[in-house]
PDB file of all heavy atoms in Angstrom:
ATOM      1  N   HIS A   1       0.828  -1.175   0.009  1.00  0.00           N
ATOM      2  CA  HIS A   1      -0.003   0.026  -0.015  1.00  0.00           C
ATOM      3  C   HIS A   1       0.892   1.217   0.038  1.00  0.00           C
ATOM      4  O   HIS A   1       1.967   1.237   0.577  1.00  0.00           O
ATOM      5  CB  HIS A   1      -0.891   0.046   1.233  1.00  0.00           C
ATOM      6  CG  HIS A   1      -1.876  -1.110   1.303  1.00  0.00           C
ATOM      7  ND1 HIS A   1      -3.098  -1.081   0.723  1.00  0.00           N
ATOM      8  CD2 HIS A   1      -1.786  -2.356   1.912  1.00  0.00           C
ATOM      9  CE1 HIS A   1      -3.732  -2.238   0.967  1.00  0.00           C
ATOM     10  NE2 HIS A   1      -2.967  -2.996   1.638  1.00  0.00           N
ATOM     11  N   PRO A   2       0.468   2.344  -0.616  1.00  0.00           N
ATOM     12  CA  PRO A   2       1.267   3.576  -0.529  1.00  0.00           C
ATOM     13  C   PRO A   2       1.438   3.995   0.910  1.00  0.00           C
ATOM     14  O   PRO A   2       0.536   3.916   1.711  1.00  0.00           O
ATOM     15  CB  PRO A   2       0.383   4.573  -1.254  1.00  0.00           C
ATOM     16  CG  PRO A   2      -0.511   3.772  -2.159  1.00  0.00           C
ATOM     17  CD  PRO A   2      -0.786   2.498  -1.410  1.00  0.00           C
ATOM     18  N   LYS A   3       2.656   4.400   1.275  1.00  0.00           N
ATOM     19  CA  LYS A   3       2.937   4.827   2.649  1.00  0.00           C
ATOM     20  C   LYS A   3       2.931   6.309   2.751  1.00  0.00           C
ATOM     21  O   LYS A   3       3.588   7.035   2.014  1.00  0.00           O
ATOM     22  CB  LYS A   3       4.301   4.248   3.028  1.00  0.00           C
ATOM     23  CG  LYS A   3       4.430   2.759   2.964  1.00  0.00           C
ATOM     24  CD  LYS A   3       3.383   2.033   3.881  1.00  0.00           C
ATOM     25  CE  LYS A   3       3.485   0.535   3.699  1.00  0.00           C
ATOM     26  NZ  LYS A   3       2.462  -0.179   4.543  1.00  0.00           N
ATOM     27  N   LYS A   4       2.096   6.790   3.732  1.00  0.00           N
ATOM     28  CA  LYS A   4       1.924   8.256   3.930  1.00  0.00           C
ATOM     29  C   LYS A   4       2.356   8.671   5.328  1.00  0.00           C
ATOM     30  O   LYS A   4       2.587   9.894   5.553  1.00  0.00           O
ATOM     31  CB  LYS A   4       0.469   8.614   3.689  1.00  0.00           C
ATOM     32  CG  LYS A   4      -0.018   8.368   2.294  1.00  0.00           C
ATOM     33  CD  LYS A   4      -1.532   8.560   2.200  1.00  0.00           C
ATOM     34  CE  LYS A   4      -1.938   9.962   2.591  1.00  0.00           C
ATOM     35  NZ  LYS A   4      -3.423  10.175   2.490  1.00  0.00           N
ATOM     36  N   GLN A   5       2.353   7.745   6.267  1.00  0.00           N
ATOM     37  CA  GLN A   5       2.535   8.143   7.657  1.00  0.00           C
ATOM     38  C   GLN A   5       3.650   7.254   8.322  1.00  0.00           C
ATOM     39  O   GLN A   5       3.794   6.106   7.940  1.00  0.00           O
ATOM     40  CB  GLN A   5       1.240   7.958   8.443  1.00  0.00           C
ATOM     41  CG  GLN A   5       0.085   8.870   8.002  1.00  0.00           C
ATOM     42  CD  GLN A   5      -1.152   8.663   8.816  1.00  0.00           C
ATOM     43  OE1 GLN A   5      -1.486   7.498   9.200  1.00  0.00           O
ATOM     44  NE2 GLN A   5      -1.882   9.725   9.141  1.00  0.00           N
ATOM     45  N   ILE A   6       4.265   7.805   9.310  1.00  0.00           N
ATOM     46  CA  ILE A   6       5.186   7.063  10.182  1.00  0.00           C
ATOM     47  C   ILE A   6       4.718   7.287  11.625  1.00  0.00           C
ATOM     48  O   ILE A   6       4.475   8.436  12.040  1.00  0.00           O
ATOM     49  CB  ILE A   6       6.627   7.539  10.029  1.00  0.00           C
ATOM     50  CG1 ILE A   6       7.112   7.381   8.597  1.00  0.00           C
ATOM     51  CG2 ILE A   6       7.568   6.763  10.969  1.00  0.00           C
ATOM     52  CD1 ILE A   6       8.444   8.020   8.293  1.00  0.00           C
ATOM     53  N   TYR A   7       4.606   6.227  12.405  1.00  0.00           N
ATOM     54  CA  TYR A   7       4.224   6.270  13.795  1.00  0.00           C
ATOM     55  C   TYR A   7       5.368   5.813  14.667  1.00  0.00           C
ATOM     56  O   TYR A   7       5.934   4.812  14.450  1.00  0.00           O
ATOM     57  CB  TYR A   7       2.936   5.427  14.066  1.00  0.00           C
ATOM     58  CG  TYR A   7       1.656   6.070  13.557  1.00  0.00           C
ATOM     59  CD1 TYR A   7       1.260   5.849  12.248  1.00  0.00           C
ATOM     60  CD2 TYR A   7       0.943   6.948  14.372  1.00  0.00           C
ATOM     61  CE1 TYR A   7       0.061   6.442  11.778  1.00  0.00           C
ATOM     62  CE2 TYR A   7      -0.219   7.560  13.896  1.00  0.00           C
ATOM     63  CZ  TYR A   7      -0.659   7.297  12.626  1.00  0.00           C
ATOM     64  OH  TYR A   7      -1.795   7.907  12.151  1.00  0.00           O
ATOM     65  N   LEU A   8       5.578   6.612  15.766  1.00  0.00           N
ATOM     66  CA  LEU A   8       6.633   6.295  16.720  1.00  0.00           C
ATOM     67  C   LEU A   8       5.961   5.672  17.937  1.00  0.00           C
ATOM     68  O   LEU A   8       5.071   6.200  18.526  1.00  0.00           O
ATOM     69  CB  LEU A   8       7.369   7.627  17.138  1.00  0.00           C
ATOM     70  CG  LEU A   8       7.996   8.398  15.982  1.00  0.00           C
ATOM     71  CD1 LEU A   8       8.681   9.607  16.533  1.00  0.00           C
ATOM     72  CD2 LEU A   8       8.980   7.484  15.149  1.00  0.00           C
ATOM     73  N   HIS A   9       6.440   4.485  18.281  1.00  0.00           N
ATOM     74  CA  HIS A   9       5.981   3.714  19.427  1.00  0.00           C
ATOM     75  C   HIS A   9       7.084   3.432  20.380  1.00  0.00           C
ATOM     76  O   HIS A   9       8.308   3.528  20.018  1.00  0.00           O
ATOM     77  CB  HIS A   9       5.438   2.344  19.015  1.00  0.00           C
ATOM     78  CG  HIS A   9       4.378   2.322  18.003  1.00  0.00           C
ATOM     79  ND1 HIS A   9       3.029   2.126  18.338  1.00  0.00           N
ATOM     80  CD2 HIS A   9       4.339   2.440  16.655  1.00  0.00           C
ATOM     81  CE1 HIS A   9       2.280   2.117  17.257  1.00  0.00           C
ATOM     82  NE2 HIS A   9       3.032   2.314  16.216  1.00  0.00           N
ATOM     83  N   HIS A  10       6.820   3.044  21.612  1.00  0.00           N
ATOM     84  CA  HIS A  10       7.786   2.303  22.390  1.00  0.00           C
ATOM     85  C   HIS A  10       7.138   1.001  22.941  1.00  0.00           C
ATOM     86  O   HIS A  10       5.922   0.959  23.094  1.00  0.00           O
ATOM     87  CB  HIS A  10       8.458   3.127  23.505  1.00  0.00           C
ATOM     88  CG  HIS A  10       7.530   3.654  24.539  1.00  0.00           C
ATOM     89  ND1 HIS A  10       7.560   4.958  25.059  1.00  0.00           N
ATOM     90  CD2 HIS A  10       6.544   3.079  25.287  1.00  0.00           C
ATOM     91  CE1 HIS A  10       6.690   5.139  25.987  1.00  0.00           C
ATOM     92  NE2 HIS A  10       6.072   3.984  26.142  1.00  0.00           N
ATOM     93  N   THR A  11       7.944   0.026  23.242  1.00  0.00           N
ATOM     94  CA  THR A  11       7.415  -1.307  23.497  1.00  0.00           C
ATOM     95  C   THR A  11       6.807  -1.507  24.798  1.00  0.00           C
ATOM     96  O   THR A  11       6.032  -2.423  25.036  1.00  0.00           O
ATOM     97  CB  THR A  11       8.605  -2.344  23.401  1.00  0.00           C
ATOM     98  OG1 THR A  11       9.655  -1.940  24.273  1.00  0.00           O
ATOM     99  CG2 THR A  11       9.183  -2.440  21.956  1.00  0.00           C
ATOM    100  N   ALA A  12       7.123  -0.627  25.811  1.00  0.00           N
ATOM    101  CA  ALA A  12       6.786  -0.918  27.241  1.00  0.00           C
ATOM    102  C   ALA A  12       7.363  -2.280  27.634  1.00  0.00           C
ATOM    103  O   ALA A  12       6.700  -3.113  28.279  1.00  0.00           O
ATOM    104  CB  ALA A  12       5.291  -0.840  27.476  1.00  0.00           C
ATOM    105  N   GLY A  13       8.588  -2.492  27.178  1.00  0.00           N
ATOM    106  CA  GLY A  13       9.241  -3.757  27.451  1.00  0.00           C
ATOM    107  C   GLY A  13      10.727  -3.577  27.596  1.00  0.00           C
ATOM    108  O   GLY A  13      11.240  -2.454  27.610  1.00  0.00           O
ATOM    109  N   ASN A  14      11.493  -4.669  27.534  1.00  0.00           N
ATOM    110  CA  ASN A  14      12.945  -4.617  27.739  1.00  0.00           C
ATOM    111  C   ASN A  14      13.661  -4.128  26.507  1.00  0.00           C
ATOM    112  O   ASN A  14      13.011  -3.754  25.567  1.00  0.00           O
ATOM    113  CB  ASN A  14      13.443  -5.966  28.231  1.00  0.00           C
ATOM    114  CG  ASN A  14      13.304  -7.060  27.139  1.00  0.00           C
ATOM    115  OD1 ASN A  14      13.386  -6.775  26.000  1.00  0.00           O
ATOM    116  ND2 ASN A  14      13.095  -8.302  27.620  1.00  0.00           N
ATOM    117  N   ALA A  15      14.977  -4.077  26.575  1.00  0.00           N
ATOM    118  CA  ALA A  15      15.795  -3.432  25.554  1.00  0.00           C
ATOM    119  C   ALA A  15      16.034  -4.277  24.296  1.00  0.00           C
ATOM    120  O   ALA A  15      16.639  -3.766  23.352  1.00  0.00           O
ATOM    121  CB  ALA A  15      17.092  -2.988  26.190  1.00  0.00           C
ATOM    122  N   ASP A  16      15.581  -5.499  24.254  1.00  0.00           N
ATOM    123  CA  ASP A  16      15.964  -6.425  23.212  1.00  0.00           C
ATOM    124  C   ASP A  16      15.076  -6.346  21.989  1.00  0.00           C
ATOM    125  O   ASP A  16      13.961  -6.859  21.984  1.00  0.00           O
ATOM    126  CB  ASP A  16      15.932  -7.870  23.799  1.00  0.00           C
ATOM    127  CG  ASP A  16      16.513  -8.911  22.846  1.00  0.00           C
ATOM    128  OD1 ASP A  16      16.828  -8.568  21.705  1.00  0.00           O
ATOM    129  OD2 ASP A  16      16.592 -10.069  23.268  1.00  0.00           O
ATOM    130  N   GLY A  17      15.581  -5.689  20.935  1.00  0.00           N
ATOM    131  CA  GLY A  17      14.810  -5.564  19.703  1.00  0.00           C
ATOM    132  C   GLY A  17      14.533  -6.856  19.013  1.00  0.00           C
ATOM    133  O   GLY A  17      13.432  -7.113  18.480  1.00  0.00           O
ATOM    134  N   GLU A  18      15.549  -7.744  18.937  1.00  0.00           N
ATOM    135  CA  GLU A  18      15.336  -9.043  18.312  1.00  0.00           C
ATOM    136  C   GLU A  18      14.368  -9.933  19.121  1.00  0.00           C
ATOM    137  O   GLU A  18      13.527 -10.594  18.574  1.00  0.00           O
ATOM    138  CB  GLU A  18      16.690  -9.779  18.170  1.00  0.00           C
ATOM    139  CG  GLU A  18      17.597  -9.162  17.139  1.00  0.00           C
ATOM    140  CD  GLU A  18      18.809  -9.997  16.851  1.00  0.00           C
ATOM    141  OE1 GLU A  18      18.803 -11.223  17.158  1.00  0.00           O
ATOM    142  OE2 GLU A  18      19.797  -9.474  16.244  1.00  0.00           O
ATOM    143  N   GLY A  19      14.462  -9.827  20.417  1.00  0.00           N
ATOM    144  CA  GLY A  19      13.552 -10.554  21.289  1.00  0.00           C
ATOM    145  C   GLY A  19      12.093 -10.105  21.111  1.00  0.00           C
ATOM    146  O   GLY A  19      11.182 -10.964  21.188  1.00  0.00           O
ATOM    147  N   THR A  20      11.932  -8.835  20.823  1.00  0.00           N
ATOM    148  CA  THR A  20      10.589  -8.324  20.631  1.00  0.00           C
ATOM    149  C   THR A  20       9.950  -9.019  19.421  1.00  0.00           C
ATOM    150  O   THR A  20       8.767  -9.424  19.437  1.00  0.00           O
ATOM    151  CB  THR A  20      10.603  -6.837  20.454  1.00  0.00           C
ATOM    152  OG1 THR A  20      11.168  -6.166  21.608  1.00  0.00           O
ATOM    153  CG2 THR A  20       9.209  -6.251  20.182  1.00  0.00           C
ATOM    154  N   PHE A  21      10.712  -9.119  18.321  1.00  0.00           N
ATOM    155  CA  PHE A  21      10.217  -9.774  17.158  1.00  0.00           C
ATOM    156  C   PHE A  21       9.984 -11.256  17.363  1.00  0.00           C
ATOM    157  O   PHE A  21       9.063 -11.821  16.751  1.00  0.00           O
ATOM    158  CB  PHE A  21      11.123  -9.530  15.965  1.00  0.00           C
ATOM    159  CG  PHE A  21      10.827  -8.250  15.228  1.00  0.00           C
ATOM    160  CD1 PHE A  21      11.774  -7.272  15.133  1.00  0.00           C
ATOM    161  CD2 PHE A  21       9.633  -8.122  14.578  1.00  0.00           C
ATOM    162  CE1 PHE A  21      11.538  -6.058  14.516  1.00  0.00           C
ATOM    163  CE2 PHE A  21       9.369  -6.931  13.875  1.00  0.00           C
ATOM    164  CZ  PHE A  21      10.295  -5.935  13.864  1.00  0.00           C
ATOM    165  N   LYS A  22      10.809 -11.912  18.103  1.00  0.00           N
ATOM    166  CA  LYS A  22      10.574 -13.327  18.409  1.00  0.00           C
ATOM    167  C   LYS A  22       9.252 -13.519  19.142  1.00  0.00           C
ATOM    168  O   LYS A  22       8.515 -14.478  18.880  1.00  0.00           O
ATOM    169  CB  LYS A  22      11.774 -13.881  19.243  1.00  0.00           C
ATOM    170  CG  LYS A  22      13.032 -14.011  18.490  1.00  0.00           C
ATOM    171  CD  LYS A  22      14.169 -14.491  19.379  1.00  0.00           C
ATOM    172  CE  LYS A  22      15.496 -14.630  18.580  1.00  0.00           C
ATOM    173  NZ  LYS A  22      16.602 -14.995  19.505  1.00  0.00           N
ATOM    174  N   TYR A  23       8.952 -12.641  20.057  1.00  0.00           N
ATOM    175  CA  TYR A  23       7.654 -12.693  20.769  1.00  0.00           C
ATOM    176  C   TYR A  23       6.517 -12.482  19.833  1.00  0.00           C
ATOM    177  O   TYR A  23       5.558 -13.219  19.802  1.00  0.00           O
ATOM    178  CB  TYR A  23       7.636 -11.600  21.868  1.00  0.00           C
ATOM    179  CG  TYR A  23       6.283 -11.429  22.487  1.00  0.00           C
ATOM    180  CD1 TYR A  23       5.770 -12.355  23.406  1.00  0.00           C
ATOM    181  CD2 TYR A  23       5.494 -10.319  22.139  1.00  0.00           C
ATOM    182  CE1 TYR A  23       4.491 -12.253  23.952  1.00  0.00           C
ATOM    183  CE2 TYR A  23       4.216 -10.168  22.724  1.00  0.00           C
ATOM    184  CZ  TYR A  23       3.739 -11.108  23.599  1.00  0.00           C
ATOM    185  OH  TYR A  23       2.479 -10.974  24.123  1.00  0.00           O
ATOM    186  N   TRP A  24       6.618 -11.483  18.970  1.00  0.00           N
ATOM    187  CA  TRP A  24       5.570 -11.192  18.006  1.00  0.00           C
ATOM    188  C   TRP A  24       5.390 -12.396  17.025  1.00  0.00           C
ATOM    189  O   TRP A  24       4.272 -12.736  16.677  1.00  0.00           O
ATOM    190  CB  TRP A  24       5.833  -9.925  17.203  1.00  0.00           C
ATOM    191  CG  TRP A  24       5.616  -8.647  18.006  1.00  0.00           C
ATOM    192  CD1 TRP A  24       4.761  -8.479  18.995  1.00  0.00           C
ATOM    193  CD2 TRP A  24       6.197  -7.408  17.722  1.00  0.00           C
ATOM    194  NE1 TRP A  24       4.777  -7.199  19.446  1.00  0.00           N
ATOM    195  CE2 TRP A  24       5.685  -6.472  18.710  1.00  0.00           C
ATOM    196  CE3 TRP A  24       7.138  -6.936  16.831  1.00  0.00           C
ATOM    197  CZ2 TRP A  24       6.065  -5.151  18.703  1.00  0.00           C
ATOM    198  CZ3 TRP A  24       7.515  -5.568  16.880  1.00  0.00           C
ATOM    199  CH2 TRP A  24       7.014  -4.725  17.801  1.00  0.00           C
ATOM    200  N   GLY A  25       6.485 -12.995  16.691  1.00  0.00           N
ATOM    201  CA  GLY A  25       6.412 -14.105  15.719  1.00  0.00           C
ATOM    202  C   GLY A  25       5.709 -15.340  16.267  1.00  0.00           C
ATOM    203  O   GLY A  25       5.298 -16.194  15.490  1.00  0.00           O
ATOM    204  N   ASN A  26       5.580 -15.389  17.580  1.00  0.00           N
ATOM    205  CA  ASN A  26       4.954 -16.560  18.188  1.00  0.00           C
ATOM    206  C   ASN A  26       3.501 -16.361  18.603  1.00  0.00           C
ATOM    207  O   ASN A  26       2.844 -17.287  19.061  1.00  0.00           O
ATOM    208  CB  ASN A  26       5.755 -17.011  19.395  1.00  0.00           C
ATOM    209  CG  ASN A  26       7.078 -17.602  19.080  1.00  0.00           C
ATOM    210  OD1 ASN A  26       7.249 -18.218  18.081  1.00  0.00           O
ATOM    211  ND2 ASN A  26       8.125 -17.315  19.951  1.00  0.00           N
ATOM    212  N   ASN A  27       2.990 -15.124  18.419  1.00  0.00           N
ATOM    213  CA  ASN A  27       1.621 -14.907  18.885  1.00  0.00           C
ATOM    214  C   ASN A  27       0.513 -14.994  17.828  1.00  0.00           C
ATOM    215  O   ASN A  27      -0.658 -14.951  18.182  1.00  0.00           O
ATOM    216  CB  ASN A  27       1.517 -13.428  19.550  1.00  0.00           C
ATOM    217  CG  ASN A  27       1.750 -12.329  18.564  1.00  0.00           C
ATOM    218  OD1 ASN A  27       1.708 -12.480  17.379  1.00  0.00           O
ATOM    219  ND2 ASN A  27       2.027 -11.119  19.121  1.00  0.00           N
ATOM    220  N   ASN A  28       0.925 -15.159  16.552  1.00  0.00           N
ATOM    221  CA  ASN A  28      -0.023 -15.413  15.455  1.00  0.00           C
ATOM    222  C   ASN A  28      -1.136 -14.353  15.317  1.00  0.00           C
ATOM    223  O   ASN A  28      -2.158 -14.613  14.816  1.00  0.00           O
ATOM    224  CB  ASN A  28      -0.700 -16.768  15.663  1.00  0.00           C
ATOM    225  CG  ASN A  28       0.260 -17.923  15.550  1.00  0.00           C
ATOM    226  OD1 ASN A  28       1.134 -17.921  14.722  1.00  0.00           O
ATOM    227  ND2 ASN A  28       0.090 -18.886  16.478  1.00  0.00           N
ATOM    228  N   GLU A  29      -0.841 -13.142  15.791  1.00  0.00           N
ATOM    229  CA  GLU A  29      -1.843 -12.048  15.723  1.00  0.00           C
ATOM    230  C   GLU A  29      -1.537 -11.011  14.651  1.00  0.00           C
ATOM    231  O   GLU A  29      -2.300 -10.105  14.451  1.00  0.00           O
ATOM    232  CB  GLU A  29      -1.890 -11.341  17.087  1.00  0.00           C
ATOM    233  CG  GLU A  29      -2.441 -12.244  18.182  1.00  0.00           C
ATOM    234  CD  GLU A  29      -2.444 -11.553  19.566  1.00  0.00           C
ATOM    235  OE1 GLU A  29      -1.945 -10.450  19.634  1.00  0.00           O
ATOM    236  OE2 GLU A  29      -2.987 -12.138  20.484  1.00  0.00           O
ATOM    237  N   ARG A  30      -0.451 -11.131  13.961  1.00  0.00           N
ATOM    238  CA  ARG A  30      -0.035 -10.125  12.966  1.00  0.00           C
ATOM    239  C   ARG A  30       0.014  -8.736  13.551  1.00  0.00           C
ATOM    240  O   ARG A  30      -0.363  -7.746  12.956  1.00  0.00           O
ATOM    241  CB  ARG A  30      -0.920 -10.161  11.729  1.00  0.00           C
ATOM    242  CG  ARG A  30      -0.852 -11.492  10.981  1.00  0.00           C
ATOM    243  CD  ARG A  30      -1.571 -11.515   9.687  1.00  0.00           C
ATOM    244  NE  ARG A  30      -1.424 -12.771   9.002  1.00  0.00           N
ATOM    245  CZ  ARG A  30      -1.996 -13.028   7.817  1.00  0.00           C
ATOM    246  NH1 ARG A  30      -2.621 -12.140   7.136  1.00  0.00           N
ATOM    247  NH2 ARG A  30      -1.777 -14.239   7.257  1.00  0.00           N
ATOM    248  N   VAL A  31       0.466  -8.669  14.786  1.00  0.00           N
ATOM    249  CA  VAL A  31       0.668  -7.383  15.493  1.00  0.00           C
ATOM    250  C   VAL A  31       2.156  -7.171  15.586  1.00  0.00           C
ATOM    251  O   VAL A  31       2.895  -7.939  16.189  1.00  0.00           O
ATOM    252  CB  VAL A  31       0.051  -7.383  16.929  1.00  0.00           C
ATOM    253  CG1 VAL A  31       0.400  -6.098  17.637  1.00  0.00           C
ATOM    254  CG2 VAL A  31      -1.440  -7.602  16.859  1.00  0.00           C
ATOM    255  N   ALA A  32       2.627  -6.116  14.940  1.00  0.00           N
ATOM    256  CA  ALA A  32       4.030  -5.794  14.929  1.00  0.00           C
ATOM    257  C   ALA A  32       4.272  -4.437  14.279  1.00  0.00           C
ATOM    258  O   ALA A  32       3.377  -3.897  13.671  1.00  0.00           O
ATOM    259  CB  ALA A  32       4.829  -6.856  14.099  1.00  0.00           C
ATOM    260  N   THR A  33       5.472  -3.891  14.515  1.00  0.00           N
ATOM    261  CA  THR A  33       5.879  -2.725  13.712  1.00  0.00           C
ATOM    262  C   THR A  33       6.944  -3.170  12.725  1.00  0.00           C
ATOM    263  O   THR A  33       7.535  -4.288  12.879  1.00  0.00           O
ATOM    264  CB  THR A  33       6.496  -1.646  14.633  1.00  0.00           C
ATOM    265  OG1 THR A  33       7.505  -2.177  15.471  1.00  0.00           O
ATOM    266  CG2 THR A  33       5.436  -1.023  15.491  1.00  0.00           C
ATOM    267  N   CYS A  34       7.221  -2.411  11.751  1.00  0.00           N
ATOM    268  CA  CYS A  34       8.148  -2.738  10.710  1.00  0.00           C
ATOM    269  C   CYS A  34       9.573  -2.940  11.311  1.00  0.00           C
ATOM    270  O   CYS A  34      10.300  -3.891  10.982  1.00  0.00           O
ATOM    271  CB  CYS A  34       8.251  -1.635   9.709  1.00  0.00           C
ATOM    272  SG  CYS A  34       9.515  -1.820   8.438  1.00  0.00           S
ATOM    273  N   VAL A  35       9.962  -2.106  12.283  1.00  0.00           N
ATOM    274  CA  VAL A  35      11.290  -2.181  12.902  1.00  0.00           C
ATOM    275  C   VAL A  35      11.191  -1.992  14.412  1.00  0.00           C
ATOM    276  O   VAL A  35      10.207  -1.388  14.919  1.00  0.00           O
ATOM    277  CB  VAL A  35      12.271  -1.077  12.318  1.00  0.00           C
ATOM    278  CG1 VAL A  35      12.491  -1.242  10.813  1.00  0.00           C
ATOM    279  CG2 VAL A  35      11.810   0.318  12.656  1.00  0.00           C
ATOM    280  N   THR A  36      12.189  -2.508  15.083  1.00  0.00           N
ATOM    281  CA  THR A  36      12.427  -2.203  16.529  1.00  0.00           C
ATOM    282  C   THR A  36      13.765  -1.554  16.587  1.00  0.00           C
ATOM    283  O   THR A  36      14.630  -1.762  15.738  1.00  0.00           O
ATOM    284  CB  THR A  36      12.350  -3.415  17.423  1.00  0.00           C
ATOM    285  OG1 THR A  36      13.395  -4.340  17.005  1.00  0.00           O
ATOM    286  CG2 THR A  36      10.973  -4.113  17.324  1.00  0.00           C
ATOM    287  N   ILE A  37      13.965  -0.806  17.681  1.00  0.00           N
ATOM    288  CA  ILE A  37      15.275  -0.196  17.941  1.00  0.00           C
ATOM    289  C   ILE A  37      15.737  -0.592  19.351  1.00  0.00           C
ATOM    290  O   ILE A  37      15.129  -0.231  20.330  1.00  0.00           O
ATOM    291  CB  ILE A  37      15.242   1.320  17.824  1.00  0.00           C
ATOM    292  CG1 ILE A  37      14.749   1.761  16.448  1.00  0.00           C
ATOM    293  CG2 ILE A  37      16.623   1.942  18.094  1.00  0.00           C
ATOM    294  CD1 ILE A  37      14.601   3.281  16.254  1.00  0.00           C
TER     295      ILE A  37
END
């Protein structure tokens, strides 16, 4: 889809960006952001 907006979030979690994606990858909800920092 054409991209028009960028949203800034924080995880309310620990510092591990890779760990955040591992958690999202296991929840089967398609809830995620494009990147973590």
